[in-house]
Amino acid sequence: MIACGRELKLCHAVCIVHTLNLVVKKALQLTPALSSNRMKARKLGGYFRSSTTAKEKLDQVQDQMWMPKKKLIQEVETWWKRVAELREHVGAALAGLKTDIPALTSEDFTVVCECLT
């Protein structure tokens, strides 16, 4: 498909990969089982980004588990992979913190892992 802008005198081919990415993102938004997971994971990510205590606790847990230090990242293409990677670390860190942020459940992680495959 070719899109042309007459005013700018530009033509470009619409990227099929970009279009596919938009379709997948829309499907994720419309899938109720993932909506809850996304909301929980966003809250977790926001908490660990904004709380110095939480960041330090996550670093401490990763040190104790002899794992390289990684942070939770914002929702981008590699986001779910990082959430799955840090499952145990985040759970252990949350257990040692006083917070009402809900952790992802085993069912939530099952859904995440199925989506990743």
Protein backbone atom coordinates (compact mmCIF):
# COMPACT_ATOMS: atom_id res chain seq x y z
CA MET A 1 0.00 0.00 0.00
CA ILE A 2 1.37 3.43 -0.91
CA ALA A 3 0.42 6.59 0.97
CA CYS A 4 1.20 9.96 -0.56
CA GLY A 5 1.13 13.44 0.98
CA ARG A 6 0.54 15.94 -1.81
CA GLU A 7 1.40 18.99 0.30
CA LEU A 8 4.70 17.51 1.44
CA LYS A 9 5.39 15.75 -1.85
CA LEU A 10 6.30 12.59 0.07
CA CYS A 11 5.42 8.98 -0.67
CA HIS A 12 6.13 5.99 1.54
CA ALA A 13 5.15 2.37 1.77
CA VAL A 14 3.13 1.53 4.88
CA CYS A 15 5.22 -0.84 6.95
CA ILE A 16 3.48 -4.20 7.42
CA VAL A 17 5.38 -4.83 10.67
CA HIS A 18 4.18 -1.54 12.13
CA THR A 19 0.61 -2.30 11.08
CA LEU A 20 0.81 -5.78 12.60
CA ASN A 21 2.17 -4.28 15.83
CA LEU A 22 -0.83 -1.91 15.97
CA VAL A 23 -3.23 -4.81 15.45
CA VAL A 24 -1.60 -6.82 18.25
CA LYS A 25 -1.68 -3.84 20.62
CA LYS A 26 -5.38 -3.30 19.91
CA ALA A 27 -6.09 -7.01 20.47
CA LEU A 28 -4.27 -6.83 23.82
CA GLN A 29 -6.40 -3.84 24.83
CA LEU A 30 -9.58 -5.72 23.96
CA THR A 31 -8.67 -8.96 25.77
CA PRO A 32 -10.21 -8.85 29.28
CA ALA A 33 -7.86 -11.49 30.74
CA LEU A 34 -4.88 -9.32 29.85
CA SER A 35 -6.39 -6.02 30.98
CA SER A 36 -6.14 -6.99 34.65
CA ASN A 37 -2.56 -8.24 34.21
CA ARG A 38 -1.53 -5.08 32.39
CA MET A 39 -3.06 -2.89 35.12
CA LYS A 40 -1.32 -4.84 37.91
CA ALA A 41 2.02 -4.86 36.08
CA ARG A 42 1.79 -1.11 35.38
CA LYS A 43 1.17 -0.46 39.09
CA LEU A 44 4.12 -2.67 40.02
CA GLY A 45 6.37 -0.94 37.50
CA GLY A 46 5.29 2.50 38.67
CA TYR A 47 5.83 1.56 42.29
CA PHE A 48 9.34 0.19 41.72
CA ARG A 49 10.25 3.22 39.56
CA SER A 50 8.98 5.83 42.03
CA SER A 51 9.93 4.29 45.40
CA THR A 52 13.58 4.41 46.38
CA THR A 53 12.90 1.85 49.12
CA ALA A 54 11.33 -0.55 46.61
CA LYS A 55 14.21 -0.12 44.15
CA GLU A 56 16.74 -0.83 46.89
CA LYS A 57 14.77 -3.88 48.06
CA LEU A 58 14.61 -5.28 44.51
CA ASP A 59 18.38 -4.73 44.13
CA GLN A 60 18.96 -6.47 47.48
CA VAL A 61 16.83 -9.47 46.49
CA GLN A 62 18.62 -9.79 43.15
CA ASP A 63 21.99 -9.69 44.95
CA GLN A 64 20.84 -12.40 47.36
CA MET A 65 19.71 -14.56 44.42
CA TRP A 66 23.02 -13.99 42.62
CA MET A 67 21.20 -12.41 39.67
CA PRO A 68 22.25 -9.41 37.60
CA LYS A 69 20.41 -6.24 38.60
CA LYS A 70 17.53 -5.44 36.31
CA LYS A 71 14.75 -2.93 36.69
CA LEU A 72 11.11 -3.22 35.76
CA ILE A 73 10.55 -1.29 32.57
CA GLN A 74 7.66 0.68 31.14
CA GLU A 75 5.14 -1.02 28.87
CA VAL A 76 6.99 -1.54 25.61
CA GLU A 77 7.47 -4.58 23.40
CA THR A 78 9.92 -6.24 25.80
CA TRP A 79 7.93 -5.34 28.91
CA TRP A 80 6.18 -8.67 29.48
CA LYS A 81 9.42 -10.56 29.05
CA ARG A 82 11.01 -8.45 31.81
CA VAL A 83 7.96 -8.87 34.07
CA ALA A 84 8.24 -12.66 33.66
CA GLU A 85 12.03 -12.60 34.18
CA LEU A 86 11.75 -10.70 37.45
CA ARG A 87 8.77 -12.63 38.81
CA GLU A 88 10.55 -14.14 41.82
CA HIS A 89 12.60 -11.03 42.54
CA VAL A 90 9.60 -8.71 42.52
CA GLY A 91 7.56 -11.13 44.64
CA ALA A 92 10.33 -11.41 47.22
CA ALA A 93 10.88 -7.65 47.26
CA LEU A 94 7.14 -6.97 47.69
CA ALA A 95 6.99 -9.43 50.58
CA GLY A 96 9.54 -7.31 52.44
CA LEU A 97 7.81 -3.98 51.76
CA LYS A 98 4.73 -2.41 53.29
CA THR A 99 2.59 -1.68 50.24
CA ASP A 100 -0.90 -2.33 48.96
CA ILE A 101 0.35 -2.86 45.40
CA PRO A 102 -1.09 -6.21 44.25
CA ALA A 103 1.39 -8.79 43.03
CA LEU A 104 0.71 -10.78 39.90
CA THR A 105 -0.76 -14.18 40.73
CA SER A 106 0.33 -17.57 39.39
CA GLU A 107 -2.65 -17.42 37.01
CA ASP A 108 -1.52 -13.98 35.83
CA PHE A 109 1.95 -15.33 35.10
CA THR A 110 0.51 -18.32 33.26
CA VAL A 111 -1.32 -15.89 30.94
CA VAL A 112 1.83 -13.78 30.53
CA CYS A 113 3.96 -16.83 29.67
CA GLU A 114 1.36 -18.10 27.18
CA CYS A 115 1.35 -14.71 25.49
CA LEU A 116 5.13 -14.70 25.30
CA THR A 117 5.16 -18.05 23.52
